[in-house]
Amino acid sequence: MTRTAVILQHDPSIHLGNIGPVLTEHGYDLRIVDVTTEDVSSIDPAEADLVVVLGGEMGAYQTDEFPFLQAEQELLRARLGAERPTLGVCLGAQLMAGALGRRVYRGDTTQIGYRRVDPTEAGAASPIRHFDGVPVVEWHGDTFELPEEATLLASSSDYSNEAFAIGGYALAVQFHPEVTDEMHESWVADGYNELDELAIDPDALRRDREAYNARMQEASRAAFSEWLESLPA
């Protein structure tokens, strides 16, 4: 049986990555929505079998500059209220938190690189356990308050809210487990100004990619496959 996954994408370089093949293998027909050009408000919040909200360079709080972010949060508020399957990655996680009335804001540090995330007790009993001991890509400087409805699944040294779940139908990660080698190289090559400002050596990021990215790919496949298989048929 074919199911539909609506993918809310903010930037063509910040795409599904390794999550795409996992969705296809689990029978999902993918509909990519460019939220910068398409009308998000026209999407039925409950119709798709799955909604995936990807990352982006803007902040979830920049709704005046990027009005589509408000439309996304309204869609997510309705969808999560209906307890429909939803996955958020980085900005997507922040938008989910914002949709549920929590504050999204600029953090104290900018995380760029492969970092460790530590599962909570609940996280160790969830698909997030696959990332335990596996450095994952972080590329963000924003954070959020944990929604009251949510269960915290992982934290990091800089930010306490790295992953959360809501019931059995919603999952959000602040990190970027979807990043392939090609995506990472694109981000590093395009981010030279930011990396220079933060005194981050791009070649050091490349060396870390060689050391860690294959393991992250395996963990990502295992985690998202398990989560998809747990969703109601």
N, C-alpha and C. Protein backbone atom coordinates (compact mmCIF):
# COMPACT_ATOMS: atom_id res chain seq x y z
N MET A 1 0.85 -1.20 0.00
CA MET A 1 0.00 0.00 0.00
C MET A 1 0.87 1.24 0.00
N THR A 2 0.64 2.14 -0.95
CA THR A 2 1.40 3.38 -1.03
C THR A 2 0.81 4.41 -0.08
N ARG A 3 1.71 5.04 0.66
CA ARG A 3 1.33 6.14 1.54
C ARG A 3 1.99 7.41 1.07
N THR A 4 1.46 8.54 1.50
CA THR A 4 1.97 9.83 1.04
C THR A 4 2.73 10.52 2.16
N ALA A 5 3.91 11.03 1.83
CA ALA A 5 4.68 11.86 2.74
C ALA A 5 4.85 13.24 2.11
N VAL A 6 4.40 14.26 2.80
CA VAL A 6 4.58 15.65 2.37
C VAL A 6 5.84 16.17 3.04
N ILE A 7 6.78 16.66 2.23
CA ILE A 7 8.07 17.12 2.72
C ILE A 7 8.12 18.64 2.59
N LEU A 8 8.19 19.34 3.71
CA LEU A 8 8.29 20.80 3.70
C LEU A 8 9.76 21.18 3.68
N GLN A 9 10.20 21.73 2.55
CA GLN A 9 11.62 22.01 2.31
C GLN A 9 11.85 23.51 2.20
N HIS A 10 12.88 24.01 2.89
CA HIS A 10 13.18 25.44 2.93
C HIS A 10 14.33 25.85 2.03
N ASP A 11 15.13 24.88 1.62
CA ASP A 11 16.33 25.16 0.83
C ASP A 11 16.68 23.88 0.06
N PRO A 12 16.94 23.98 -1.24
CA PRO A 12 17.24 22.76 -2.00
C PRO A 12 18.48 22.03 -1.52
N SER A 13 19.39 22.72 -0.84
CA SER A 13 20.60 22.05 -0.36
C SER A 13 20.38 21.36 1.00
N ILE A 14 19.24 21.65 1.62
CA ILE A 14 18.90 21.06 2.92
C ILE A 14 17.71 20.15 2.68
N HIS A 15 17.98 19.00 2.09
CA HIS A 15 16.91 18.12 1.64
C HIS A 15 16.84 16.86 2.50
N LEU A 16 16.08 15.88 2.04
CA LEU A 16 15.85 14.67 2.83
C LEU A 16 17.11 13.84 3.06
N GLY A 17 18.07 13.95 2.16
CA GLY A 17 19.29 13.16 2.32
C GLY A 17 19.00 11.68 2.45
N ASN A 18 19.61 11.06 3.45
CA ASN A 18 19.47 9.61 3.59
C ASN A 18 18.10 9.18 4.09
N ILE A 19 17.24 10.12 4.52
CA ILE A 19 15.89 9.75 4.94
C ILE A 19 15.03 9.41 3.73
N GLY A 20 15.33 10.01 2.58
CA GLY A 20 14.52 9.77 1.38
C GLY A 20 14.41 8.31 1.01
N PRO A 21 15.53 7.59 0.85
CA PRO A 21 15.44 6.17 0.52
C PRO A 21 14.70 5.34 1.57
N VAL A 22 14.85 5.72 2.83
CA VAL A 22 14.15 4.98 3.89
C VAL A 22 12.64 5.15 3.73
N LEU A 23 12.19 6.37 3.44
CA LEU A 23 10.77 6.59 3.22
C LEU A 23 10.26 5.80 2.02
N THR A 24 11.00 5.83 0.93
CA THR A 24 10.60 5.10 -0.27
C THR A 24 10.51 3.60 0.00
N GLU A 25 11.51 3.08 0.71
CA GLU A 25 11.51 1.65 1.02
C GLU A 25 10.35 1.25 1.91
N HIS A 26 9.82 2.19 2.67
CA HIS A 26 8.68 1.90 3.54
C HIS A 26 7.35 2.27 2.88
N GLY A 27 7.37 2.45 1.57
CA GLY A 27 6.13 2.58 0.82
C GLY A 27 5.55 3.97 0.73
N TYR A 28 6.37 5.00 0.97
CA TYR A 28 5.86 6.37 0.91
C TYR A 28 6.12 6.99 -0.46
N ASP A 29 5.10 7.62 -0.99
CA ASP A 29 5.21 8.45 -2.18
C ASP A 29 5.54 9.86 -1.70
N LEU A 30 6.66 10.43 -2.17
CA LEU A 30 7.15 11.69 -1.64
C LEU A 30 6.64 12.89 -2.44
N ARG A 31 6.06 13.86 -1.74
CA ARG A 31 5.67 15.12 -2.36
C ARG A 31 6.50 16.22 -1.72
N ILE A 32 7.45 16.77 -2.48
CA ILE A 32 8.33 17.82 -1.98
C ILE A 32 7.64 19.17 -2.18
N VAL A 33 7.48 19.91 -1.10
CA VAL A 33 6.86 21.24 -1.14
C VAL A 33 7.92 22.28 -0.84
N ASP A 34 8.20 23.15 -1.80
CA ASP A 34 9.11 24.28 -1.59
C ASP A 34 8.30 25.36 -0.88
N VAL A 35 8.49 25.50 0.42
CA VAL A 35 7.64 26.40 1.19
C VAL A 35 7.90 27.87 0.84
N THR A 36 9.02 28.16 0.18
CA THR A 36 9.32 29.54 -0.19
C THR A 36 8.54 29.99 -1.42
N THR A 37 7.99 29.05 -2.16
CA THR A 37 7.25 29.41 -3.38
C THR A 37 5.84 28.85 -3.43
N GLU A 38 5.54 27.79 -2.66
CA GLU A 38 4.22 27.18 -2.68
C GLU A 38 3.41 27.63 -1.47
N ASP A 39 2.09 27.58 -1.61
CA ASP A 39 1.18 28.04 -0.56
C ASP A 39 0.98 26.94 0.48
N VAL A 40 1.67 27.06 1.60
CA VAL A 40 1.58 26.05 2.66
C VAL A 40 0.17 26.00 3.24
N SER A 41 -0.51 27.14 3.27
CA SER A 41 -1.84 27.19 3.88
C SER A 41 -2.86 26.37 3.10
N SER A 42 -2.54 26.00 1.85
CA SER A 42 -3.47 25.20 1.05
C SER A 42 -3.37 23.70 1.34
N ILE A 43 -2.39 23.30 2.15
CA ILE A 43 -2.18 21.89 2.47
C ILE A 43 -3.14 21.47 3.58
N ASP A 44 -3.85 20.39 3.38
CA ASP A 44 -4.72 19.83 4.43
C ASP A 44 -3.82 19.27 5.52
N PRO A 45 -3.92 19.78 6.76
CA PRO A 45 -3.00 19.36 7.81
C PRO A 45 -3.05 17.87 8.14
N ALA A 46 -4.21 17.26 7.92
CA ALA A 46 -4.39 15.87 8.35
C ALA A 46 -4.35 14.86 7.21
N GLU A 47 -4.30 15.32 5.97
CA GLU A 47 -4.49 14.40 4.84
C GLU A 47 -3.32 13.45 4.63
N ALA A 48 -2.10 13.95 4.61
CA ALA A 48 -0.94 13.11 4.30
C ALA A 48 -0.73 12.08 5.41
N ASP A 49 -0.19 10.94 5.03
CA ASP A 49 0.13 9.91 6.03
C ASP A 49 1.29 10.35 6.92
N LEU A 50 2.17 11.20 6.37
CA LEU A 50 3.32 11.68 7.11
C LEU A 50 3.68 13.08 6.61
N VAL A 51 4.04 13.97 7.53
CA VAL A 51 4.61 15.26 7.17
C VAL A 51 6.02 15.32 7.76
N VAL A 52 6.99 15.70 6.91
CA VAL A 52 8.38 15.86 7.34
C VAL A 52 8.75 17.33 7.13
N VAL A 53 9.23 17.97 8.18
CA VAL A 53 9.64 19.38 8.11
C VAL A 53 11.16 19.44 8.24
N LEU A 54 11.82 19.93 7.19
CA LEU A 54 13.28 19.90 7.13
C LEU A 54 13.91 21.18 7.69
N GLY A 55 15.23 21.23 7.62
CA GLY A 55 15.97 22.36 8.16
C GLY A 55 15.98 23.56 7.22
N GLY A 56 16.59 24.64 7.71
CA GLY A 56 16.69 25.86 6.93
C GLY A 56 17.60 26.84 7.65
N GLU A 57 18.05 27.86 6.93
CA GLU A 57 18.97 28.83 7.52
C GLU A 57 18.27 29.90 8.34
N MET A 58 16.95 30.05 8.18
CA MET A 58 16.23 31.06 8.93
C MET A 58 15.87 30.55 10.33
N GLY A 59 15.50 31.47 11.21
CA GLY A 59 15.02 31.08 12.53
C GLY A 59 13.52 30.93 12.53
N ALA A 60 13.00 30.02 13.32
CA ALA A 60 11.56 29.79 13.37
C ALA A 60 10.79 31.02 13.82
N TYR A 61 11.47 31.93 14.50
CA TYR A 61 10.85 33.16 15.02
C TYR A 61 10.86 34.30 14.00
N GLN A 62 11.46 34.10 12.84
CA GLN A 62 11.57 35.16 11.85
C GLN A 62 10.35 35.18 10.93
N THR A 63 9.17 35.20 11.51
CA THR A 63 7.94 35.09 10.73
C THR A 63 7.63 36.37 9.95
N ASP A 64 8.11 37.51 10.41
CA ASP A 64 7.87 38.74 9.65
C ASP A 64 8.67 38.73 8.35
N GLU A 65 9.90 38.24 8.43
CA GLU A 65 10.76 38.18 7.26
C GLU A 65 10.41 37.03 6.34
N PHE A 66 9.94 35.93 6.95
CA PHE A 66 9.60 34.72 6.20
C PHE A 66 8.19 34.27 6.59
N PRO A 67 7.15 34.88 5.99
CA PRO A 67 5.77 34.61 6.40
C PRO A 67 5.37 33.14 6.30
N PHE A 68 6.03 32.37 5.43
CA PHE A 68 5.66 30.96 5.29
C PHE A 68 5.91 30.18 6.58
N LEU A 69 6.80 30.69 7.44
CA LEU A 69 7.05 30.00 8.71
C LEU A 69 5.81 30.00 9.59
N GLN A 70 5.06 31.10 9.56
CA GLN A 70 3.81 31.16 10.33
C GLN A 70 2.80 30.15 9.78
N ALA A 71 2.72 30.06 8.45
CA ALA A 71 1.81 29.09 7.84
C ALA A 71 2.21 27.66 8.20
N GLU A 72 3.51 27.40 8.23
CA GLU A 72 3.97 26.07 8.63
C GLU A 72 3.58 25.76 10.07
N GLN A 73 3.74 26.73 10.96
CA GLN A 73 3.40 26.49 12.35
C GLN A 73 1.91 26.26 12.52
N GLU A 74 1.10 26.97 11.77
CA GLU A 74 -0.35 26.74 11.83
C GLU A 74 -0.70 25.34 11.34
N LEU A 75 -0.05 24.92 10.26
CA LEU A 75 -0.26 23.55 9.77
C LEU A 75 0.15 22.53 10.82
N LEU A 76 1.30 22.74 11.43
CA LEU A 76 1.80 21.80 12.43
C LEU A 76 0.93 21.78 13.67
N ARG A 77 0.43 22.94 14.07
CA ARG A 77 -0.45 22.99 15.25
C ARG A 77 -1.69 22.13 15.02
N ALA A 78 -2.27 22.25 13.83
CA ALA A 78 -3.46 21.46 13.51
C ALA A 78 -3.11 19.99 13.38
N ARG A 79 -2.00 19.70 12.75
CA ARG A 79 -1.63 18.30 12.51
C ARG A 79 -1.29 17.60 13.82
N LEU A 80 -0.49 18.24 14.65
CA LEU A 80 -0.14 17.63 15.93
C LEU A 80 -1.37 17.51 16.83
N GLY A 81 -2.26 18.47 16.73
CA GLY A 81 -3.51 18.40 17.50
C GLY A 81 -4.35 17.21 17.08
N ALA A 82 -4.23 16.82 15.80
CA ALA A 82 -4.96 15.65 15.30
C ALA A 82 -4.18 14.36 15.49
N GLU A 83 -3.00 14.46 16.10
CA GLU A 83 -2.13 13.31 16.38
C GLU A 83 -1.77 12.53 15.10
N ARG A 84 -1.39 13.29 14.07
CA ARG A 84 -1.00 12.70 12.80
C ARG A 84 0.53 12.62 12.73
N PRO A 85 1.08 11.56 12.14
CA PRO A 85 2.54 11.35 12.11
C PRO A 85 3.30 12.54 11.52
N THR A 86 4.30 12.99 12.28
CA THR A 86 5.06 14.19 11.92
C THR A 86 6.50 14.01 12.35
N LEU A 87 7.42 14.41 11.47
CA LEU A 87 8.85 14.34 11.76
C LEU A 87 9.46 15.71 11.50
N GLY A 88 10.24 16.21 12.45
CA GLY A 88 10.91 17.50 12.29
C GLY A 88 12.41 17.35 12.45
N VAL A 89 13.16 18.03 11.58
CA VAL A 89 14.63 18.01 11.63
C VAL A 89 15.15 19.44 11.75
N CYS A 90 15.89 19.72 12.79
CA CYS A 90 16.51 21.02 13.05
C CYS A 90 15.46 22.14 13.04
N LEU A 91 15.40 22.98 12.02
CA LEU A 91 14.36 24.00 11.96
C LEU A 91 12.98 23.36 12.10
N GLY A 92 12.81 22.17 11.53
CA GLY A 92 11.54 21.47 11.66
C GLY A 92 11.18 21.18 13.10
N ALA A 93 12.17 20.79 13.90
CA ALA A 93 11.93 20.56 15.33
C ALA A 93 11.56 21.85 16.02
N GLN A 94 12.24 22.94 15.66
CA GLN A 94 11.95 24.24 16.26
C GLN A 94 10.54 24.70 15.89
N LEU A 95 10.13 24.49 14.65
CA LEU A 95 8.79 24.87 14.22
C LEU A 95 7.72 24.06 14.94
N MET A 96 8.01 22.79 15.19
CA MET A 96 7.07 21.96 15.96
C MET A 96 6.92 22.51 17.37
N ALA A 97 8.04 22.86 18.00
CA ALA A 97 7.97 23.43 19.35
C ALA A 97 7.21 24.75 19.34
N GLY A 98 7.50 25.61 18.35
CA GLY A 98 6.80 26.88 18.25
C GLY A 98 5.31 26.72 18.01
N ALA A 99 4.96 25.73 17.20
CA ALA A 99 3.54 25.46 16.91
C ALA A 99 2.78 25.09 18.18
N LEU A 100 3.49 24.51 19.13
CA LEU A 100 2.86 24.09 20.39
C LEU A 100 3.02 25.14 21.48
N GLY A 101 3.36 26.35 21.08
CA GLY A 101 3.36 27.47 22.01
C GLY A 101 4.62 27.68 22.80
N ARG A 102 5.69 26.99 22.43
CA ARG A 102 6.94 27.13 23.17
C ARG A 102 7.85 28.15 22.49
N ARG A 103 8.74 28.74 23.26
CA ARG A 103 9.63 29.77 22.75
C ARG A 103 10.78 29.16 21.97
N VAL A 104 11.04 29.71 20.79
CA VAL A 104 12.21 29.35 19.99
C VAL A 104 13.10 30.59 19.95
N TYR A 105 14.38 30.43 20.21
CA TYR A 105 15.22 31.60 20.39
C TYR A 105 16.68 31.30 20.05
N ARG A 106 17.45 32.39 19.93
CA ARG A 106 18.88 32.27 19.65
C ARG A 106 19.59 31.72 20.88
N GLY A 107 20.40 30.69 20.66
CA GLY A 107 21.11 30.08 21.78
C GLY A 107 22.40 30.80 22.11
N ASP A 108 23.11 30.30 23.10
CA ASP A 108 24.36 30.92 23.55
C ASP A 108 25.55 30.56 22.66
N THR A 109 25.44 29.44 21.95
CA THR A 109 26.56 28.99 21.11
C THR A 109 26.02 28.53 19.76
N THR A 110 26.90 28.55 18.76
CA THR A 110 26.58 27.97 17.46
C THR A 110 27.32 26.65 17.35
N GLN A 111 26.56 25.60 17.11
CA GLN A 111 27.15 24.27 16.98
C GLN A 111 27.32 23.93 15.50
N ILE A 112 28.54 23.70 15.08
CA ILE A 112 28.82 23.22 13.73
C ILE A 112 29.86 22.13 13.85
N GLY A 113 29.52 20.96 13.38
CA GLY A 113 30.46 19.85 13.44
C GLY A 113 29.78 18.58 13.88
N TYR A 114 30.57 17.55 14.03
CA TYR A 114 30.05 16.26 14.52
C TYR A 114 30.15 16.25 16.03
N ARG A 115 29.01 16.12 16.68
CA ARG A 115 28.94 16.18 18.13
C ARG A 115 28.20 14.97 18.67
N ARG A 116 28.42 14.71 19.94
CA ARG A 116 27.74 13.61 20.59
C ARG A 116 26.40 14.08 21.15
N VAL A 117 25.37 13.28 20.99
CA VAL A 117 24.10 13.49 21.69
C VAL A 117 23.88 12.30 22.62
N ASP A 118 23.37 12.60 23.80
CA ASP A 118 23.21 11.56 24.82
C ASP A 118 21.74 11.27 25.04
N PRO A 119 21.29 10.06 24.73
CA PRO A 119 19.89 9.71 24.96
C PRO A 119 19.54 9.78 26.45
N THR A 120 18.35 10.26 26.73
CA THR A 120 17.79 10.19 28.07
C THR A 120 17.35 8.75 28.34
N GLU A 121 16.80 8.52 29.51
CA GLU A 121 16.27 7.18 29.80
C GLU A 121 15.17 6.82 28.82
N ALA A 122 14.31 7.79 28.52
CA ALA A 122 13.26 7.55 27.53
C ALA A 122 13.85 7.35 26.15
N GLY A 123 14.89 8.13 25.84
CA GLY A 123 15.54 8.01 24.53
C GLY A 123 16.20 6.67 24.33
N ALA A 124 16.71 6.09 25.40
CA ALA A 124 17.37 4.78 25.32
C ALA A 124 16.37 3.67 25.01
N ALA A 125 15.10 3.95 25.20
CA ALA A 125 14.05 2.98 24.87
C ALA A 125 13.32 3.36 23.58
N SER A 126 13.91 4.29 22.82
CA SER A 126 13.29 4.79 21.60
C SER A 126 14.24 4.60 20.42
N PRO A 127 13.80 4.90 19.20
CA PRO A 127 14.72 4.82 18.05
C PRO A 127 15.95 5.70 18.17
N ILE A 128 15.90 6.73 19.02
CA ILE A 128 17.04 7.63 19.19
C ILE A 128 18.24 6.90 19.81
N ARG A 129 18.02 5.75 20.42
CA ARG A 129 19.13 4.99 21.01
C ARG A 129 20.18 4.63 19.97
N HIS A 130 19.80 4.57 18.70
CA HIS A 130 20.76 4.22 17.65
C HIS A 130 21.86 5.27 17.50
N PHE A 131 21.63 6.48 18.01
CA PHE A 131 22.64 7.53 17.92
C PHE A 131 23.55 7.58 19.14
N ASP A 132 23.32 6.72 20.10
CA ASP A 132 24.15 6.71 21.30
C ASP A 132 25.59 6.35 20.93
N GLY A 133 26.53 7.23 21.24
CA GLY A 133 27.93 6.99 20.92
C GLY A 133 28.31 7.25 19.48
N VAL A 134 27.37 7.76 18.68
CA VAL A 134 27.62 8.05 17.26
C VAL A 134 27.61 9.57 17.06
N PRO A 135 28.75 10.19 16.77
CA PRO A 135 28.75 11.64 16.52
C PRO A 135 27.83 11.98 15.34
N VAL A 136 27.03 13.03 15.53
CA VAL A 136 26.06 13.43 14.51
C VAL A 136 26.33 14.87 14.09
N VAL A 137 25.85 15.22 12.91
CA VAL A 137 26.05 16.57 12.39
C VAL A 137 25.16 17.56 13.15
N GLU A 138 25.79 18.59 13.69
CA GLU A 138 25.08 19.74 14.27
C GLU A 138 25.42 20.95 13.41
N TRP A 139 24.42 21.76 13.11
CA TRP A 139 24.66 22.99 12.34
C TRP A 139 23.55 23.97 12.69
N HIS A 140 23.63 24.52 13.90
CA HIS A 140 22.56 25.41 14.34
C HIS A 140 23.05 26.31 15.47
N GLY A 141 22.33 27.43 15.65
CA GLY A 141 22.59 28.32 16.77
C GLY A 141 21.33 28.68 17.51
N ASP A 142 20.20 28.10 17.09
CA ASP A 142 18.92 28.34 17.75
C ASP A 142 18.54 27.13 18.60
N THR A 143 17.66 27.39 19.55
CA THR A 143 17.15 26.32 20.39
C THR A 143 15.70 26.63 20.76
N PHE A 144 15.11 25.82 21.63
CA PHE A 144 13.69 25.96 21.92
C PHE A 144 13.37 25.39 23.30
N GLU A 145 12.24 25.82 23.82
CA GLU A 145 11.71 25.23 25.04
C GLU A 145 10.99 23.94 24.68
N LEU A 146 11.10 22.95 25.52
CA LEU A 146 10.47 21.66 25.27
C LEU A 146 8.95 21.78 25.43
N PRO A 147 8.18 21.34 24.42
CA PRO A 147 6.71 21.37 24.57
C PRO A 147 6.25 20.54 25.76
N GLU A 148 5.19 21.00 26.42
CA GLU A 148 4.66 20.29 27.58
C GLU A 148 4.24 18.87 27.22
N GLU A 149 3.78 18.70 25.98
CA GLU A 149 3.30 17.39 25.55
C GLU A 149 4.43 16.42 25.23
N ALA A 150 5.65 16.93 25.16
CA ALA A 150 6.77 16.16 24.62
C ALA A 150 7.52 15.38 25.69
N THR A 151 8.17 14.31 25.23
CA THR A 151 9.10 13.53 26.04
C THR A 151 10.50 13.77 25.51
N LEU A 152 11.39 14.25 26.36
CA LEU A 152 12.76 14.51 25.94
C LEU A 152 13.48 13.19 25.69
N LEU A 153 14.15 13.08 24.53
CA LEU A 153 14.83 11.84 24.14
C LEU A 153 16.34 11.96 24.12
N ALA A 154 16.88 13.17 23.96
CA ALA A 154 18.34 13.32 23.91
C ALA A 154 18.74 14.75 24.21
N SER A 155 19.97 14.89 24.76
CA SER A 155 20.57 16.19 25.04
C SER A 155 22.01 16.17 24.56
N SER A 156 22.61 17.38 24.49
CA SER A 156 24.04 17.48 24.15
C SER A 156 24.72 18.39 25.15
N SER A 157 26.03 18.56 24.99
CA SER A 157 26.78 19.38 25.94
C SER A 157 26.34 20.83 25.90
N ASP A 158 25.91 21.33 24.74
CA ASP A 158 25.53 22.73 24.60
C ASP A 158 24.03 22.96 24.78
N TYR A 159 23.23 21.99 24.35
CA TYR A 159 21.79 22.20 24.35
C TYR A 159 21.07 20.98 24.92
N SER A 160 20.14 21.27 25.84
CA SER A 160 19.45 20.17 26.52
C SER A 160 18.41 19.50 25.64
N ASN A 161 17.85 20.25 24.69
CA ASN A 161 16.76 19.70 23.87
C ASN A 161 17.27 19.34 22.48
N GLU A 162 17.72 18.09 22.33
CA GLU A 162 18.25 17.62 21.05
C GLU A 162 17.28 16.70 20.31
N ALA A 163 16.37 16.08 21.02
CA ALA A 163 15.37 15.21 20.38
C ALA A 163 14.20 15.05 21.32
N PHE A 164 13.00 15.00 20.74
CA PHE A 164 11.82 14.74 21.56
C PHE A 164 10.77 14.00 20.76
N ALA A 165 9.88 13.36 21.49
CA ALA A 165 8.75 12.66 20.88
C ALA A 165 7.47 13.18 21.51
N ILE A 166 6.39 13.09 20.75
CA ILE A 166 5.07 13.38 21.28
C ILE A 166 4.22 12.15 20.99
N GLY A 167 3.83 11.48 22.05
CA GLY A 167 3.09 10.24 21.88
C GLY A 167 3.88 9.28 21.01
N GLY A 168 3.17 8.51 20.20
CA GLY A 168 3.84 7.62 19.26
C GLY A 168 3.78 8.13 17.85
N TYR A 169 3.38 9.42 17.67
CA TYR A 169 3.12 9.91 16.33
C TYR A 169 4.04 11.04 15.88
N ALA A 170 4.83 11.61 16.77
CA ALA A 170 5.68 12.74 16.37
C ALA A 170 7.08 12.56 16.92
N LEU A 171 8.06 12.89 16.08
CA LEU A 171 9.46 12.80 16.45
C LEU A 171 10.18 14.04 15.92
N ALA A 172 11.06 14.60 16.74
CA ALA A 172 11.81 15.79 16.33
C ALA A 172 13.25 15.66 16.78
N VAL A 173 14.17 16.04 15.90
CA VAL A 173 15.60 16.04 16.23
C VAL A 173 16.18 17.39 15.88
N GLN A 174 17.01 17.93 16.77
CA GLN A 174 17.67 19.21 16.52
C GLN A 174 18.90 19.03 15.64
N PHE A 175 19.48 17.84 15.64
CA PHE A 175 20.67 17.57 14.84
C PHE A 175 20.29 17.14 13.42
N HIS A 176 21.29 16.82 12.61
CA HIS A 176 21.06 16.54 11.18
C HIS A 176 21.53 15.12 10.82
N PRO A 177 20.81 14.09 11.21
CA PRO A 177 21.23 12.73 10.87
C PRO A 177 21.04 12.39 9.40
N GLU A 178 20.32 13.25 8.67
CA GLU A 178 20.02 12.99 7.26
C GLU A 178 21.17 13.32 6.32
N VAL A 179 22.22 13.97 6.83
CA VAL A 179 23.25 14.55 5.97
C VAL A 179 24.14 13.48 5.34
N THR A 180 24.16 13.45 4.03
CA THR A 180 25.05 12.56 3.28
C THR A 180 26.40 13.26 3.09
N ASP A 181 27.38 12.51 2.57
CA ASP A 181 28.69 13.10 2.28
C ASP A 181 28.54 14.29 1.33
N GLU A 182 27.72 14.12 0.29
CA GLU A 182 27.55 15.18 -0.71
C GLU A 182 26.91 16.42 -0.10
N MET A 183 25.89 16.22 0.74
CA MET A 183 25.26 17.36 1.41
C MET A 183 26.25 18.08 2.30
N HIS A 184 27.02 17.32 3.06
CA HIS A 184 27.96 17.94 3.99
C HIS A 184 29.01 18.77 3.24
N GLU A 185 29.51 18.24 2.13
CA GLU A 185 30.50 18.99 1.36
C GLU A 185 29.89 20.27 0.82
N SER A 186 28.64 20.21 0.37
CA SER A 186 27.96 21.41 -0.11
C SER A 186 27.83 22.44 0.99
N TRP A 187 27.45 22.01 2.19
CA TRP A 187 27.30 22.94 3.30
C TRP A 187 28.64 23.56 3.69
N VAL A 188 29.68 22.74 3.73
CA VAL A 188 31.00 23.25 4.08
C VAL A 188 31.48 24.25 3.03
N ALA A 189 31.33 23.89 1.75
CA ALA A 189 31.80 24.77 0.67
C ALA A 189 31.03 26.09 0.64
N ASP A 190 29.72 26.03 0.92
CA ASP A 190 28.90 27.24 0.89
C ASP A 190 29.00 28.05 2.17
N GLY A 191 29.54 27.45 3.22
CA GLY A 191 29.54 28.13 4.52
C GLY A 191 30.87 28.71 4.93
N TYR A 192 31.74 28.94 3.96
CA TYR A 192 33.09 29.40 4.30
C TYR A 192 33.08 30.70 5.10
N ASN A 193 32.20 31.66 4.76
CA ASN A 193 32.19 32.92 5.50
C ASN A 193 31.81 32.69 6.96
N GLU A 194 30.76 31.91 7.17
CA GLU A 194 30.33 31.62 8.54
C GLU A 194 31.41 30.85 9.29
N LEU A 195 32.01 29.87 8.62
CA LEU A 195 33.05 29.08 9.27
C LEU A 195 34.24 29.95 9.64
N ASP A 196 34.59 30.89 8.77
CA ASP A 196 35.70 31.79 9.05
C ASP A 196 35.39 32.68 10.25
N GLU A 197 34.15 33.19 10.32
CA GLU A 197 33.75 34.04 11.44
C GLU A 197 33.83 33.28 12.76
N LEU A 198 33.53 31.98 12.72
CA LEU A 198 33.53 31.17 13.93
C LEU A 198 34.86 30.47 14.17
N ALA A 199 35.84 30.76 13.32
CA ALA A 199 37.17 30.15 13.43
C ALA A 199 37.11 28.62 13.38
N ILE A 200 36.27 28.12 12.47
CA ILE A 200 36.14 26.68 12.26
C ILE A 200 36.88 26.30 10.98
N ASP A 201 37.75 25.34 11.07
CA ASP A 201 38.55 24.89 9.94
C ASP A 201 37.71 23.96 9.06
N PRO A 202 37.39 24.34 7.82
CA PRO A 202 36.58 23.47 6.97
C PRO A 202 37.23 22.12 6.70
N ASP A 203 38.55 22.08 6.64
CA ASP A 203 39.21 20.80 6.41
C ASP A 203 39.09 19.88 7.63
N ALA A 204 39.00 20.46 8.81
CA ALA A 204 38.76 19.66 10.01
C ALA A 204 37.37 19.04 9.95
N LEU A 205 36.40 19.79 9.44
CA LEU A 205 35.05 19.24 9.27
C LEU A 205 35.07 18.09 8.28
N ARG A 206 35.84 18.24 7.23
CA ARG A 206 35.93 17.18 6.22
C ARG A 206 36.58 15.92 6.82
N ARG A 207 37.59 16.12 7.64
CA ARG A 207 38.23 14.96 8.29
C ARG A 207 37.25 14.24 9.23
N ASP A 208 36.46 15.03 9.93
CA ASP A 208 35.46 14.42 10.81
C ASP A 208 34.41 13.67 9.99
N ARG A 209 34.06 14.21 8.83
CA ARG A 209 33.11 13.51 7.96
C ARG A 209 33.66 12.15 7.57
N GLU A 210 34.92 12.10 7.20
CA GLU A 210 35.54 10.83 6.84
C GLU A 210 35.50 9.85 8.01
N ALA A 211 35.66 10.37 9.22
CA ALA A 211 35.73 9.51 10.40
C ALA A 211 34.36 9.05 10.88
N TYR A 212 33.33 9.91 10.74
CA TYR A 212 32.08 9.65 11.45
C TYR A 212 30.84 9.46 10.58
N ASN A 213 30.88 9.96 9.34
CA ASN A 213 29.61 10.03 8.61
C ASN A 213 29.03 8.66 8.26
N ALA A 214 29.86 7.69 7.97
CA ALA A 214 29.33 6.36 7.63
C ALA A 214 28.55 5.77 8.79
N ARG A 215 29.06 5.93 10.00
CA ARG A 215 28.35 5.42 11.18
C ARG A 215 27.04 6.16 11.38
N MET A 216 27.06 7.47 11.13
CA MET A 216 25.82 8.23 11.28
C MET A 216 24.78 7.78 10.27
N GLN A 217 25.21 7.47 9.04
CA GLN A 217 24.27 6.98 8.03
C GLN A 217 23.58 5.70 8.51
N GLU A 218 24.35 4.80 9.08
CA GLU A 218 23.79 3.55 9.57
C GLU A 218 22.81 3.80 10.71
N ALA A 219 23.19 4.68 11.63
CA ALA A 219 22.31 4.99 12.75
C ALA A 219 21.03 5.66 12.29
N SER A 220 21.14 6.55 11.31
CA SER A 220 19.97 7.25 10.78
C SER A 220 19.00 6.26 10.14
N ARG A 221 19.52 5.36 9.31
CA ARG A 221 18.67 4.35 8.67
C ARG A 221 17.96 3.50 9.73
N ALA A 222 18.70 3.06 10.73
CA ALA A 222 18.12 2.21 11.76
C ALA A 222 17.05 2.94 12.55
N ALA A 223 17.35 4.20 12.94
CA ALA A 223 16.42 4.96 13.78
C ALA A 223 15.13 5.29 13.04
N PHE A 224 15.24 5.80 11.82
CA PHE A 224 14.04 6.21 11.11
C PHE A 224 13.26 5.02 10.58
N SER A 225 13.93 3.94 10.24
CA SER A 225 13.20 2.72 9.86
C SER A 225 12.37 2.21 11.03
N GLU A 226 12.99 2.18 12.20
CA GLU A 226 12.26 1.70 13.38
C GLU A 226 11.07 2.61 13.69
N TRP A 227 11.29 3.92 13.60
CA TRP A 227 10.19 4.84 13.90
C TRP A 227 9.04 4.70 12.90
N LEU A 228 9.36 4.62 11.63
CA LEU A 228 8.31 4.47 10.62
C LEU A 228 7.52 3.18 10.82
N GLU A 229 8.24 2.13 11.18
CA GLU A 229 7.57 0.83 11.39
C GLU A 229 6.69 0.84 12.64
N SER A 230 6.91 1.78 13.54
CA SER A 230 6.09 1.87 14.75
C SER A 230 4.81 2.65 14.54
N LEU A 231 4.71 3.38 13.41
CA LEU A 231 3.53 4.19 13.16
C LEU A 231 2.32 3.30 12.82
N PRO A 232 1.12 3.76 13.12
CA PRO A 232 -0.07 2.98 12.79
C PRO A 232 -0.16 2.71 11.30
N ALA A 233 -0.60 1.53 10.94
CA ALA A 233 -0.71 1.15 9.52
C ALA A 233 -1.78 1.97 8.83
